[in-house]
Amino acid sequence: MTGLELLSITGLTVRVALVATLAILPPAVLVGYLLARHRFRGRTLVHALVSLPMVLPPVAVGLGLLILLGRQGPLSALWQWLNVDIVFSWWAAALAAAVVGFPLLTRACEQSFAEVEPDYEAVARSLGLGRLSTFVRVTLPLARRGVLYGSLLAFTRALGEFGATALVAGIIPGRTETLSLGIWSRVQLGDDASALVLCGASFLLAFTSMLLAEGWLRQDR
């Protein structure tokens, strides 16, 4: 394996993880806040649906995405109208990583918002702030540590995503081959030396991400 190949695979993995995390951050914050602050009919169902990708086999999630995003799926008319093919692209890899990481981020946001005292929000509202301003200026800053930590969990989960990604994005060198997919393909080809190199890169990437985030959280405390 050349250094250029390693750099390309690592760069694609980071890109996929970043896009996946940024894509699910707004809806995860919104759903987490609603679950933490409101009691409504169907709340248990929402909890179950949010957690579903976390407990299903990743290949089952990948198969569902493959059917949904394929040209013969229920959304085929939309893809034909847009003239796009998401399946077997790095966008499909990012989408798969987003789906499996969404429960982690949502649950972290929910617990973080639940720990914010509602009295602070009530005081802000009594001083004239609207609901949205109170959320942006009071609630979200107080819950930022949990939101950041959930984002870190989703990001690192995306770095190592394999099952769903393999089905919906395939293992296409230079196009969809992330670190986890590269490790698998090289093991299958008997290239254990290259697989170990990719394992080392995956370990360093995940460890560095955790180390930097933990350092930031400690300073923020």
N, C-alpha and C. Protein backbone atom coordinates (compact mmCIF):
# COMPACT_ATOMS: atom_id res chain seq x y z
N MET A 1 0.84 -1.19 0.00
CA MET A 1 0.00 0.00 0.00
C MET A 1 0.88 1.25 0.00
N THR A 2 0.58 2.18 -0.89
CA THR A 2 1.35 3.41 -0.96
C THR A 2 0.82 4.44 0.02
N GLY A 3 1.67 5.42 0.32
CA GLY A 3 1.25 6.50 1.21
C GLY A 3 0.08 7.29 0.65
N LEU A 4 0.04 7.42 -0.69
CA LEU A 4 -1.06 8.16 -1.32
C LEU A 4 -2.39 7.43 -1.14
N GLU A 5 -2.36 6.10 -1.25
CA GLU A 5 -3.58 5.32 -1.04
C GLU A 5 -4.07 5.45 0.40
N LEU A 6 -3.13 5.37 1.34
CA LEU A 6 -3.50 5.51 2.76
C LEU A 6 -4.09 6.88 3.04
N LEU A 7 -3.49 7.91 2.47
CA LEU A 7 -3.99 9.27 2.67
C LEU A 7 -5.37 9.44 2.06
N SER A 8 -5.60 8.85 0.89
CA SER A 8 -6.90 8.96 0.23
C SER A 8 -7.99 8.26 1.03
N ILE A 9 -7.70 7.05 1.52
CA ILE A 9 -8.70 6.30 2.28
C ILE A 9 -9.00 7.00 3.60
N THR A 10 -7.95 7.49 4.26
CA THR A 10 -8.15 8.19 5.54
C THR A 10 -8.92 9.49 5.34
N GLY A 11 -8.58 10.23 4.30
CA GLY A 11 -9.29 11.47 4.02
C GLY A 11 -10.76 11.25 3.71
N LEU A 12 -11.07 10.19 2.96
CA LEU A 12 -12.46 9.88 2.65
C LEU A 12 -13.22 9.49 3.92
N THR A 13 -12.57 8.74 4.80
CA THR A 13 -13.21 8.33 6.05
C THR A 13 -13.56 9.54 6.91
N VAL A 14 -12.62 10.49 7.01
CA VAL A 14 -12.88 11.70 7.80
C VAL A 14 -13.99 12.53 7.16
N ARG A 15 -13.98 12.63 5.83
CA ARG A 15 -15.03 13.39 5.14
C ARG A 15 -16.41 12.78 5.38
N VAL A 16 -16.50 11.48 5.26
CA VAL A 16 -17.77 10.78 5.48
C VAL A 16 -18.26 11.00 6.91
N ALA A 17 -17.35 10.87 7.88
CA ALA A 17 -17.74 11.02 9.29
C ALA A 17 -18.17 12.45 9.60
N LEU A 18 -17.47 13.43 9.05
CA LEU A 18 -17.82 14.83 9.30
C LEU A 18 -19.18 15.17 8.69
N VAL A 19 -19.40 14.78 7.44
CA VAL A 19 -20.67 15.06 6.78
C VAL A 19 -21.82 14.38 7.52
N ALA A 20 -21.61 13.14 7.92
CA ALA A 20 -22.66 12.41 8.64
C ALA A 20 -22.99 13.09 9.96
N THR A 21 -21.98 13.49 10.71
CA THR A 21 -22.21 14.12 12.02
C THR A 21 -22.89 15.47 11.88
N LEU A 22 -22.43 16.29 10.93
CA LEU A 22 -23.03 17.60 10.74
C LEU A 22 -24.46 17.49 10.23
N ALA A 23 -24.74 16.46 9.44
CA ALA A 23 -26.10 16.29 8.89
C ALA A 23 -27.11 15.94 9.98
N ILE A 24 -26.70 15.13 10.96
CA ILE A 24 -27.66 14.70 11.98
C ILE A 24 -27.67 15.60 13.20
N LEU A 25 -26.74 16.55 13.30
CA LEU A 25 -26.67 17.40 14.49
C LEU A 25 -27.95 18.22 14.70
N PRO A 26 -28.45 18.99 13.71
CA PRO A 26 -29.68 19.77 13.95
C PRO A 26 -30.89 18.92 14.31
N PRO A 27 -31.22 17.85 13.53
CA PRO A 27 -32.39 17.06 13.93
C PRO A 27 -32.21 16.34 15.26
N ALA A 28 -30.99 15.92 15.58
CA ALA A 28 -30.76 15.24 16.85
C ALA A 28 -30.95 16.20 18.02
N VAL A 29 -30.48 17.43 17.88
CA VAL A 29 -30.69 18.43 18.93
C VAL A 29 -32.17 18.72 19.11
N LEU A 30 -32.89 18.87 18.00
CA LEU A 30 -34.33 19.15 18.06
C LEU A 30 -35.10 18.00 18.71
N VAL A 31 -34.86 16.78 18.25
CA VAL A 31 -35.57 15.63 18.80
C VAL A 31 -35.19 15.40 20.26
N GLY A 32 -33.91 15.56 20.57
CA GLY A 32 -33.48 15.39 21.95
C GLY A 32 -34.12 16.40 22.88
N TYR A 33 -34.24 17.63 22.43
CA TYR A 33 -34.88 18.66 23.25
C TYR A 33 -36.36 18.36 23.45
N LEU A 34 -37.04 17.97 22.39
CA LEU A 34 -38.48 17.66 22.50
C LEU A 34 -38.71 16.49 23.45
N LEU A 35 -37.88 15.46 23.37
CA LEU A 35 -38.04 14.31 24.25
C LEU A 35 -37.72 14.65 25.70
N ALA A 36 -36.79 15.59 25.90
CA ALA A 36 -36.41 15.96 27.27
C ALA A 36 -37.40 16.92 27.92
N ARG A 37 -38.06 17.75 27.13
CA ARG A 37 -38.87 18.81 27.70
C ARG A 37 -40.38 18.60 27.59
N HIS A 38 -40.81 17.68 26.76
CA HIS A 38 -42.25 17.55 26.51
C HIS A 38 -42.71 16.11 26.73
N ARG A 39 -43.87 15.98 27.31
CA ARG A 39 -44.54 14.68 27.45
C ARG A 39 -45.72 14.68 26.50
N PHE A 40 -45.75 13.80 25.55
CA PHE A 40 -46.80 13.79 24.55
C PHE A 40 -47.15 12.35 24.19
N ARG A 41 -48.32 12.19 23.64
CA ARG A 41 -48.77 10.86 23.23
C ARG A 41 -47.88 10.37 22.07
N GLY A 42 -47.40 9.16 22.20
CA GLY A 42 -46.51 8.61 21.19
C GLY A 42 -45.05 8.81 21.50
N ARG A 43 -44.75 9.37 22.68
CA ARG A 43 -43.35 9.61 23.04
C ARG A 43 -42.56 8.31 23.11
N THR A 44 -43.17 7.26 23.65
CA THR A 44 -42.50 5.97 23.73
C THR A 44 -42.19 5.42 22.33
N LEU A 45 -43.13 5.65 21.42
CA LEU A 45 -42.92 5.21 20.04
C LEU A 45 -41.75 5.96 19.40
N VAL A 46 -41.68 7.25 19.65
CA VAL A 46 -40.57 8.04 19.11
C VAL A 46 -39.25 7.55 19.67
N HIS A 47 -39.21 7.26 20.98
CA HIS A 47 -38.01 6.71 21.60
C HIS A 47 -37.58 5.41 20.91
N ALA A 48 -38.55 4.55 20.66
CA ALA A 48 -38.25 3.27 20.04
C ALA A 48 -37.73 3.44 18.61
N LEU A 49 -38.36 4.35 17.85
CA LEU A 49 -37.92 4.58 16.48
C LEU A 49 -36.53 5.19 16.42
N VAL A 50 -36.24 6.10 17.36
CA VAL A 50 -34.92 6.72 17.40
C VAL A 50 -33.85 5.67 17.70
N SER A 51 -34.15 4.75 18.60
CA SER A 51 -33.18 3.75 19.03
C SER A 51 -33.03 2.59 18.05
N LEU A 52 -33.96 2.46 17.13
CA LEU A 52 -34.01 1.29 16.26
C LEU A 52 -32.71 1.05 15.48
N PRO A 53 -32.12 2.07 14.83
CA PRO A 53 -30.89 1.81 14.09
C PRO A 53 -29.74 1.33 14.97
N MET A 54 -29.82 1.61 16.27
CA MET A 54 -28.75 1.22 17.18
C MET A 54 -28.82 -0.25 17.56
N VAL A 55 -30.03 -0.84 17.50
CA VAL A 55 -30.20 -2.23 17.92
C VAL A 55 -30.37 -3.19 16.75
N LEU A 56 -30.71 -2.66 15.57
CA LEU A 56 -30.83 -3.51 14.40
C LEU A 56 -29.44 -3.92 13.90
N PRO A 57 -29.32 -5.08 13.27
CA PRO A 57 -28.05 -5.42 12.62
C PRO A 57 -27.70 -4.36 11.58
N PRO A 58 -26.45 -3.89 11.55
CA PRO A 58 -26.08 -2.86 10.56
C PRO A 58 -26.39 -3.26 9.12
N VAL A 59 -26.26 -4.56 8.80
CA VAL A 59 -26.56 -4.97 7.43
C VAL A 59 -28.05 -4.80 7.12
N ALA A 60 -28.91 -4.94 8.14
CA ALA A 60 -30.34 -4.71 7.94
C ALA A 60 -30.61 -3.24 7.64
N VAL A 61 -29.91 -2.36 8.35
CA VAL A 61 -30.03 -0.92 8.08
C VAL A 61 -29.54 -0.62 6.67
N GLY A 62 -28.43 -1.22 6.29
CA GLY A 62 -27.89 -1.01 4.95
C GLY A 62 -28.83 -1.51 3.86
N LEU A 63 -29.46 -2.66 4.09
CA LEU A 63 -30.39 -3.18 3.10
C LEU A 63 -31.61 -2.26 2.96
N GLY A 64 -32.10 -1.75 4.09
CA GLY A 64 -33.21 -0.81 4.03
C GLY A 64 -32.86 0.44 3.25
N LEU A 65 -31.67 0.97 3.47
CA LEU A 65 -31.22 2.15 2.72
C LEU A 65 -31.03 1.83 1.25
N LEU A 66 -30.53 0.65 0.97
CA LEU A 66 -30.32 0.25 -0.42
C LEU A 66 -31.64 0.21 -1.17
N ILE A 67 -32.66 -0.34 -0.53
CA ILE A 67 -33.99 -0.39 -1.15
C ILE A 67 -34.57 1.00 -1.30
N LEU A 68 -34.39 1.82 -0.27
CA LEU A 68 -34.97 3.17 -0.28
C LEU A 68 -34.31 4.08 -1.30
N LEU A 69 -33.00 3.96 -1.44
CA LEU A 69 -32.25 4.88 -2.30
C LEU A 69 -32.06 4.37 -3.71
N GLY A 70 -32.37 3.10 -3.95
CA GLY A 70 -32.13 2.52 -5.27
C GLY A 70 -33.08 3.04 -6.32
N ARG A 71 -32.70 2.85 -7.57
CA ARG A 71 -33.50 3.31 -8.71
C ARG A 71 -34.83 2.56 -8.83
N GLN A 72 -34.91 1.39 -8.20
CA GLN A 72 -36.15 0.62 -8.23
C GLN A 72 -36.94 0.74 -6.94
N GLY A 73 -36.50 1.60 -6.03
CA GLY A 73 -37.14 1.74 -4.73
C GLY A 73 -38.33 2.68 -4.77
N PRO A 74 -38.94 2.93 -3.61
CA PRO A 74 -40.13 3.79 -3.55
C PRO A 74 -39.84 5.24 -3.91
N LEU A 75 -38.58 5.65 -3.82
CA LEU A 75 -38.22 7.03 -4.15
C LEU A 75 -37.56 7.12 -5.53
N SER A 76 -37.75 6.09 -6.34
CA SER A 76 -37.08 6.06 -7.65
C SER A 76 -37.45 7.25 -8.53
N ALA A 77 -38.72 7.67 -8.46
CA ALA A 77 -39.15 8.81 -9.29
C ALA A 77 -38.39 10.07 -8.91
N LEU A 78 -38.13 10.24 -7.62
CA LEU A 78 -37.40 11.42 -7.16
C LEU A 78 -35.96 11.40 -7.67
N TRP A 79 -35.30 10.24 -7.58
CA TRP A 79 -33.90 10.17 -8.03
C TRP A 79 -33.82 10.36 -9.54
N GLN A 80 -34.80 9.84 -10.28
CA GLN A 80 -34.78 10.03 -11.73
C GLN A 80 -35.03 11.49 -12.09
N TRP A 81 -35.91 12.15 -11.34
CA TRP A 81 -36.19 13.56 -11.60
C TRP A 81 -34.95 14.42 -11.30
N LEU A 82 -34.26 14.09 -10.21
CA LEU A 82 -33.04 14.81 -9.85
C LEU A 82 -31.84 14.37 -10.67
N ASN A 83 -31.98 13.21 -11.33
CA ASN A 83 -30.89 12.64 -12.12
C ASN A 83 -29.64 12.42 -11.28
N VAL A 84 -29.84 11.79 -10.14
CA VAL A 84 -28.72 11.49 -9.25
C VAL A 84 -28.75 10.01 -8.88
N ASP A 85 -27.58 9.48 -8.61
CA ASP A 85 -27.43 8.12 -8.12
C ASP A 85 -26.68 8.19 -6.80
N ILE A 86 -27.39 8.00 -5.70
CA ILE A 86 -26.77 8.08 -4.38
C ILE A 86 -26.12 6.76 -4.01
N VAL A 87 -26.75 5.65 -4.41
CA VAL A 87 -26.21 4.33 -4.09
C VAL A 87 -24.83 4.17 -4.72
N PHE A 88 -23.92 3.53 -3.97
CA PHE A 88 -22.54 3.27 -4.41
C PHE A 88 -21.76 4.56 -4.66
N SER A 89 -22.00 5.53 -3.79
CA SER A 89 -21.23 6.77 -3.80
C SER A 89 -20.83 7.08 -2.35
N TRP A 90 -19.92 8.04 -2.17
CA TRP A 90 -19.50 8.36 -0.81
C TRP A 90 -20.63 9.05 -0.05
N TRP A 91 -21.58 9.64 -0.78
CA TRP A 91 -22.76 10.21 -0.12
C TRP A 91 -23.59 9.11 0.54
N ALA A 92 -23.66 7.95 -0.10
CA ALA A 92 -24.37 6.82 0.50
C ALA A 92 -23.66 6.36 1.76
N ALA A 93 -22.33 6.37 1.74
CA ALA A 93 -21.57 6.00 2.94
C ALA A 93 -21.84 6.99 4.07
N ALA A 94 -21.90 8.28 3.74
CA ALA A 94 -22.19 9.28 4.76
C ALA A 94 -23.61 9.12 5.31
N LEU A 95 -24.55 8.80 4.44
CA LEU A 95 -25.93 8.61 4.87
C LEU A 95 -26.05 7.40 5.80
N ALA A 96 -25.38 6.32 5.45
CA ALA A 96 -25.40 5.13 6.31
C ALA A 96 -24.80 5.43 7.68
N ALA A 97 -23.69 6.15 7.69
CA ALA A 97 -23.06 6.53 8.97
C ALA A 97 -23.97 7.45 9.77
N ALA A 98 -24.69 8.33 9.08
CA ALA A 98 -25.60 9.25 9.78
C ALA A 98 -26.74 8.49 10.44
N VAL A 99 -27.29 7.51 9.74
CA VAL A 99 -28.42 6.75 10.28
C VAL A 99 -28.02 5.98 11.53
N VAL A 100 -26.86 5.31 11.49
CA VAL A 100 -26.46 4.51 12.66
C VAL A 100 -25.95 5.38 13.80
N GLY A 101 -25.50 6.61 13.50
CA GLY A 101 -25.02 7.49 14.56
C GLY A 101 -26.10 8.37 15.17
N PHE A 102 -27.23 8.49 14.49
CA PHE A 102 -28.30 9.36 14.97
C PHE A 102 -28.81 9.00 16.37
N PRO A 103 -29.03 7.72 16.70
CA PRO A 103 -29.49 7.40 18.06
C PRO A 103 -28.52 7.83 19.14
N LEU A 104 -27.22 7.68 18.90
CA LEU A 104 -26.22 8.06 19.90
C LEU A 104 -26.28 9.55 20.19
N LEU A 105 -26.34 10.34 19.14
CA LEU A 105 -26.35 11.79 19.31
C LEU A 105 -27.67 12.27 19.92
N THR A 106 -28.77 11.69 19.49
CA THR A 106 -30.08 12.10 20.01
C THR A 106 -30.20 11.79 21.49
N ARG A 107 -29.80 10.59 21.90
CA ARG A 107 -29.89 10.22 23.31
C ARG A 107 -28.98 11.08 24.17
N ALA A 108 -27.79 11.42 23.68
CA ALA A 108 -26.89 12.29 24.43
C ALA A 108 -27.49 13.68 24.58
N CYS A 109 -28.11 14.20 23.51
CA CYS A 109 -28.75 15.51 23.58
C CYS A 109 -29.93 15.49 24.55
N GLU A 110 -30.72 14.43 24.51
CA GLU A 110 -31.87 14.33 25.39
C GLU A 110 -31.45 14.37 26.86
N GLN A 111 -30.44 13.58 27.21
CA GLN A 111 -29.99 13.55 28.60
C GLN A 111 -29.38 14.88 29.01
N SER A 112 -28.66 15.51 28.08
CA SER A 112 -28.04 16.79 28.40
C SER A 112 -29.09 17.88 28.63
N PHE A 113 -30.12 17.93 27.80
CA PHE A 113 -31.18 18.92 27.98
C PHE A 113 -31.99 18.63 29.25
N ALA A 114 -32.15 17.36 29.58
CA ALA A 114 -32.90 17.00 30.78
C ALA A 114 -32.20 17.48 32.06
N GLU A 115 -30.89 17.67 32.01
CA GLU A 115 -30.14 18.11 33.18
C GLU A 115 -30.15 19.63 33.35
N VAL A 116 -30.63 20.35 32.34
CA VAL A 116 -30.72 21.81 32.43
C VAL A 116 -31.96 22.17 33.24
N GLU A 117 -31.79 22.95 34.28
CA GLU A 117 -32.92 23.34 35.14
C GLU A 117 -33.92 24.20 34.35
N PRO A 118 -35.17 23.80 34.32
CA PRO A 118 -36.19 24.60 33.62
C PRO A 118 -36.35 26.00 34.20
N ASP A 119 -35.93 26.20 35.47
CA ASP A 119 -36.05 27.52 36.08
C ASP A 119 -35.25 28.57 35.32
N TYR A 120 -34.09 28.17 34.79
CA TYR A 120 -33.28 29.12 34.02
C TYR A 120 -34.04 29.60 32.79
N GLU A 121 -34.72 28.67 32.14
CA GLU A 121 -35.50 29.04 30.96
C GLU A 121 -36.68 29.92 31.35
N ALA A 122 -37.29 29.62 32.49
CA ALA A 122 -38.42 30.43 32.95
C ALA A 122 -37.99 31.86 33.25
N VAL A 123 -36.82 32.01 33.86
CA VAL A 123 -36.30 33.35 34.16
C VAL A 123 -36.03 34.11 32.87
N ALA A 124 -35.43 33.43 31.88
CA ALA A 124 -35.15 34.08 30.61
C ALA A 124 -36.43 34.53 29.91
N ARG A 125 -37.46 33.69 29.97
CA ARG A 125 -38.73 34.04 29.36
C ARG A 125 -39.37 35.22 30.09
N SER A 126 -39.22 35.26 31.42
CA SER A 126 -39.81 36.36 32.19
C SER A 126 -39.11 37.69 31.91
N LEU A 127 -37.86 37.61 31.43
CA LEU A 127 -37.11 38.82 31.10
C LEU A 127 -37.34 39.28 29.66
N GLY A 128 -38.22 38.59 28.96
CA GLY A 128 -38.61 39.05 27.63
C GLY A 128 -38.07 38.25 26.47
N LEU A 129 -37.26 37.22 26.72
CA LEU A 129 -36.76 36.41 25.62
C LEU A 129 -37.86 35.50 25.08
N GLY A 130 -37.88 35.33 23.76
CA GLY A 130 -38.83 34.41 23.16
C GLY A 130 -38.38 32.97 23.34
N ARG A 131 -39.20 32.04 22.88
CA ARG A 131 -38.88 30.62 23.05
C ARG A 131 -37.60 30.25 22.31
N LEU A 132 -37.47 30.72 21.08
CA LEU A 132 -36.28 30.39 20.30
C LEU A 132 -35.04 31.04 20.89
N SER A 133 -35.15 32.31 21.27
CA SER A 133 -34.00 33.01 21.86
C SER A 133 -33.57 32.37 23.17
N THR A 134 -34.54 31.93 23.96
CA THR A 134 -34.21 31.25 25.21
C THR A 134 -33.45 29.96 24.94
N PHE A 135 -33.87 29.23 23.93
CA PHE A 135 -33.19 27.98 23.61
C PHE A 135 -31.76 28.25 23.15
N VAL A 136 -31.59 29.24 22.26
CA VAL A 136 -30.27 29.50 21.68
C VAL A 136 -29.32 30.13 22.70
N ARG A 137 -29.83 31.03 23.55
CA ARG A 137 -28.96 31.80 24.44
C ARG A 137 -28.84 31.22 25.84
N VAL A 138 -29.77 30.33 26.21
CA VAL A 138 -29.74 29.80 27.57
C VAL A 138 -29.60 28.27 27.58
N THR A 139 -30.58 27.60 26.98
CA THR A 139 -30.64 26.14 27.08
C THR A 139 -29.48 25.46 26.37
N LEU A 140 -29.25 25.82 25.12
CA LEU A 140 -28.21 25.16 24.35
C LEU A 140 -26.81 25.37 24.93
N PRO A 141 -26.45 26.60 25.35
CA PRO A 141 -25.12 26.75 25.98
C PRO A 141 -24.97 25.91 27.25
N LEU A 142 -26.03 25.78 28.04
CA LEU A 142 -25.93 24.99 29.26
C LEU A 142 -25.82 23.49 28.95
N ALA A 143 -26.33 23.08 27.82
CA ALA A 143 -26.30 21.66 27.44
C ALA A 143 -25.17 21.34 26.47
N ARG A 144 -24.28 22.30 26.23
CA ARG A 144 -23.31 22.13 25.15
C ARG A 144 -22.36 20.96 25.37
N ARG A 145 -22.02 20.66 26.60
CA ARG A 145 -21.08 19.56 26.85
C ARG A 145 -21.68 18.23 26.39
N GLY A 146 -22.94 18.00 26.73
CA GLY A 146 -23.58 16.76 26.31
C GLY A 146 -23.75 16.69 24.80
N VAL A 147 -24.09 17.82 24.18
CA VAL A 147 -24.25 17.85 22.73
C VAL A 147 -22.91 17.58 22.05
N LEU A 148 -21.85 18.18 22.58
CA LEU A 148 -20.52 17.94 22.01
C LEU A 148 -20.09 16.50 22.17
N TYR A 149 -20.35 15.94 23.34
CA TYR A 149 -19.95 14.56 23.57
C TYR A 149 -20.75 13.61 22.68
N GLY A 150 -22.03 13.88 22.51
CA GLY A 150 -22.84 13.07 21.60
C GLY A 150 -22.35 13.17 20.17
N SER A 151 -21.93 14.38 19.77
CA SER A 151 -21.38 14.57 18.43
C SER A 151 -20.10 13.77 18.26
N LEU A 152 -19.29 13.73 19.32
CA LEU A 152 -18.06 12.95 19.27
C LEU A 152 -18.37 11.46 19.12
N LEU A 153 -19.37 10.98 19.87
CA LEU A 153 -19.75 9.57 19.75
C LEU A 153 -20.24 9.24 18.34
N ALA A 154 -21.05 10.13 17.78
CA ALA A 154 -21.56 9.90 16.42
C ALA A 154 -20.41 9.94 15.41
N PHE A 155 -19.47 10.86 15.61
CA PHE A 155 -18.34 10.98 14.68
C PHE A 155 -17.46 9.73 14.71
N THR A 156 -17.11 9.28 15.92
CA THR A 156 -16.25 8.10 16.02
C THR A 156 -16.99 6.84 15.55
N ARG A 157 -18.30 6.81 15.78
CA ARG A 157 -19.09 5.67 15.26
C ARG A 157 -19.07 5.68 13.74
N ALA A 158 -19.13 6.85 13.14
CA ALA A 158 -19.08 6.96 11.69
C ALA A 158 -17.72 6.55 11.14
N LEU A 159 -16.66 6.83 11.90
CA LEU A 159 -15.32 6.45 11.46
C LEU A 159 -15.19 4.94 11.27
N GLY A 160 -15.88 4.17 12.11
CA GLY A 160 -15.75 2.73 12.05
C GLY A 160 -16.93 2.01 11.45
N GLU A 161 -17.88 2.73 10.88
CA GLU A 161 -19.08 2.08 10.32
C GLU A 161 -18.70 1.14 9.17
N PHE A 162 -19.28 -0.06 9.20
CA PHE A 162 -18.95 -1.05 8.18
C PHE A 162 -20.18 -1.68 7.53
N GLY A 163 -21.04 -2.32 8.35
CA GLY A 163 -22.11 -3.16 7.81
C GLY A 163 -23.05 -2.44 6.87
N ALA A 164 -23.64 -1.34 7.35
CA ALA A 164 -24.59 -0.60 6.51
C ALA A 164 -23.90 0.02 5.31
N THR A 165 -22.67 0.52 5.52
CA THR A 165 -21.94 1.17 4.44
C THR A 165 -21.58 0.19 3.34
N ALA A 166 -21.19 -1.02 3.71
CA ALA A 166 -20.79 -2.01 2.71
C ALA A 166 -21.93 -2.33 1.76
N LEU A 167 -23.16 -2.36 2.26
CA LEU A 167 -24.30 -2.69 1.40
C LEU A 167 -24.73 -1.53 0.52
N VAL A 168 -24.81 -0.34 1.10
CA VAL A 168 -25.39 0.78 0.36
C VAL A 168 -24.36 1.55 -0.46
N ALA A 169 -23.08 1.46 -0.08
CA ALA A 169 -22.05 2.20 -0.81
C ALA A 169 -21.08 1.28 -1.55
N GLY A 170 -20.99 0.02 -1.13
CA GLY A 170 -20.06 -0.90 -1.77
C GLY A 170 -18.63 -0.60 -1.37
N ILE A 171 -17.71 -1.39 -1.89
CA ILE A 171 -16.29 -1.21 -1.61
C ILE A 171 -15.61 -0.88 -2.94
N ILE A 172 -15.61 0.39 -3.29
CA ILE A 172 -15.07 0.85 -4.56
C ILE A 172 -13.81 1.67 -4.28
N PRO A 173 -12.63 1.15 -4.58
CA PRO A 173 -11.38 1.88 -4.30
C PRO A 173 -11.39 3.27 -4.92
N GLY A 174 -11.00 4.24 -4.10
CA GLY A 174 -10.93 5.62 -4.57
C GLY A 174 -12.25 6.34 -4.61
N ARG A 175 -13.34 5.63 -4.30
CA ARG A 175 -14.67 6.25 -4.38
C ARG A 175 -15.47 6.08 -3.10
N THR A 176 -15.54 4.87 -2.59
CA THR A 176 -16.32 4.63 -1.36
C THR A 176 -15.53 3.84 -0.32
N GLU A 177 -14.27 3.57 -0.56
CA GLU A 177 -13.48 2.72 0.33
C GLU A 177 -13.00 3.49 1.56
N THR A 178 -13.72 3.34 2.65
CA THR A 178 -13.29 3.93 3.92
C THR A 178 -12.33 2.99 4.62
N LEU A 179 -11.85 3.39 5.79
CA LEU A 179 -10.87 2.57 6.50
C LEU A 179 -11.43 1.19 6.84
N SER A 180 -12.65 1.15 7.38
CA SER A 180 -13.21 -0.14 7.77
C SER A 180 -13.45 -1.03 6.55
N LEU A 181 -13.93 -0.46 5.46
CA LEU A 181 -14.14 -1.24 4.24
C LEU A 181 -12.81 -1.68 3.64
N GLY A 182 -11.82 -0.82 3.73
CA GLY A 182 -10.50 -1.17 3.22
C GLY A 182 -9.87 -2.32 4.00
N ILE A 183 -10.04 -2.30 5.31
CA ILE A 183 -9.52 -3.40 6.14
C ILE A 183 -10.15 -4.72 5.72
N TRP A 184 -11.47 -4.71 5.59
CA TRP A 184 -12.19 -5.93 5.22
C TRP A 184 -11.75 -6.45 3.85
N SER A 185 -11.69 -5.57 2.86
CA SER A 185 -11.36 -6.01 1.51
C SER A 185 -9.95 -6.57 1.44
N ARG A 186 -9.01 -5.99 2.16
CA ARG A 186 -7.63 -6.47 2.12
C ARG A 186 -7.46 -7.77 2.89
N VAL A 187 -8.23 -7.96 3.94
CA VAL A 187 -8.21 -9.25 4.62
C VAL A 187 -8.73 -10.34 3.69
N GLN A 188 -9.79 -10.03 2.96
CA GLN A 188 -10.35 -11.00 2.02
C GLN A 188 -9.38 -11.33 0.90
N LEU A 189 -8.54 -10.36 0.53
CA LEU A 189 -7.56 -10.58 -0.53
C LEU A 189 -6.28 -11.21 -0.01
N GLY A 190 -6.17 -11.38 1.30
CA GLY A 190 -4.97 -11.97 1.88
C GLY A 190 -3.83 -10.98 2.08
N ASP A 191 -4.12 -9.68 1.91
CA ASP A 191 -3.10 -8.65 2.09
C ASP A 191 -3.13 -8.17 3.54
N ASP A 192 -2.63 -9.02 4.45
CA ASP A 192 -2.72 -8.71 5.87
C ASP A 192 -1.88 -7.51 6.25
N ALA A 193 -0.76 -7.30 5.57
CA ALA A 193 0.12 -6.18 5.90
C ALA A 193 -0.60 -4.85 5.67
N SER A 194 -1.27 -4.72 4.53
CA SER A 194 -2.02 -3.49 4.25
C SER A 194 -3.19 -3.33 5.21
N ALA A 195 -3.83 -4.45 5.56
CA ALA A 195 -4.95 -4.39 6.51
C ALA A 195 -4.48 -3.87 7.86
N LEU A 196 -3.29 -4.31 8.29
CA LEU A 196 -2.76 -3.83 9.57
C LEU A 196 -2.41 -2.35 9.51
N VAL A 197 -1.92 -1.89 8.38
CA VAL A 197 -1.63 -0.46 8.22
C VAL A 197 -2.91 0.35 8.36
N LEU A 198 -3.98 -0.11 7.72
CA LEU A 198 -5.27 0.59 7.82
C LEU A 198 -5.83 0.51 9.24
N CYS A 199 -5.61 -0.62 9.92
CA CYS A 199 -6.03 -0.74 11.33
C CYS A 199 -5.31 0.29 12.19
N GLY A 200 -4.01 0.45 11.94
CA GLY A 200 -3.25 1.44 12.69
C GLY A 200 -3.74 2.85 12.43
N ALA A 201 -4.05 3.16 11.17
CA ALA A 201 -4.57 4.49 10.84
C ALA A 201 -5.92 4.72 11.49
N SER A 202 -6.76 3.69 11.50
CA SER A 202 -8.07 3.81 12.13
C SER A 202 -7.94 4.03 13.64
N PHE A 203 -7.03 3.30 14.27
CA PHE A 203 -6.80 3.47 15.70
C PHE A 203 -6.31 4.88 16.01
N LEU A 204 -5.33 5.36 15.27
CA LEU A 204 -4.78 6.69 15.53
C LEU A 204 -5.82 7.78 15.32
N LEU A 205 -6.64 7.62 14.30
CA LEU A 205 -7.67 8.62 14.01
C LEU A 205 -8.71 8.68 15.13
N ALA A 206 -9.19 7.51 15.56
CA ALA A 206 -10.20 7.48 16.61
C ALA A 206 -9.61 7.95 17.94
N PHE A 207 -8.39 7.50 18.25
CA PHE A 207 -7.76 7.87 19.52
C PHE A 207 -7.48 9.37 19.58
N THR A 208 -7.01 9.94 18.48
CA THR A 208 -6.73 11.38 18.44
C THR A 208 -8.02 12.18 18.61
N SER A 209 -9.10 11.73 17.97
CA SER A 209 -10.38 12.42 18.10
C SER A 209 -10.85 12.41 19.55
N MET A 210 -10.77 11.26 20.19
CA MET A 210 -11.20 11.15 21.59
C MET A 210 -10.32 11.99 22.49
N LEU A 211 -9.02 11.97 22.25
CA LEU A 211 -8.08 12.71 23.09
C LEU A 211 -8.32 14.21 23.01
N LEU A 212 -8.48 14.72 21.81
CA LEU A 212 -8.72 16.15 21.63
C LEU A 212 -10.05 16.57 22.26
N ALA A 213 -11.07 15.76 22.06
CA ALA A 213 -12.38 16.09 22.61
C ALA A 213 -12.37 16.06 24.13
N GLU A 214 -11.72 15.05 24.71
CA GLU A 214 -11.65 14.96 26.16
C GLU A 214 -10.88 16.14 26.74
N GLY A 215 -9.82 16.56 26.06
CA GLY A 215 -9.07 17.72 26.50
C GLY A 215 -9.90 18.99 26.45
N TRP A 216 -10.68 19.15 25.40
CA TRP A 216 -11.54 20.33 25.28
C TRP A 216 -12.61 20.32 26.35
N LEU A 217 -13.20 19.16 26.60
CA LEU A 217 -14.25 19.06 27.62
C LEU A 217 -13.69 19.36 28.99
N ARG A 218 -12.48 18.93 29.26
CA ARG A 218 -11.88 19.19 30.57
C ARG A 218 -11.63 20.67 30.77
N GLN A 219 -11.16 21.36 29.72
CA GLN A 219 -10.94 22.80 29.81
C GLN A 219 -12.27 23.53 29.97
N ASP A 220 -13.28 23.07 29.25
CA ASP A 220 -14.59 23.73 29.29
C ASP A 220 -15.23 23.58 30.66
N ARG A 221 -14.93 22.49 31.36
CA ARG A 221 -15.52 22.29 32.67
C ARG A 221 -15.09 23.40 33.64
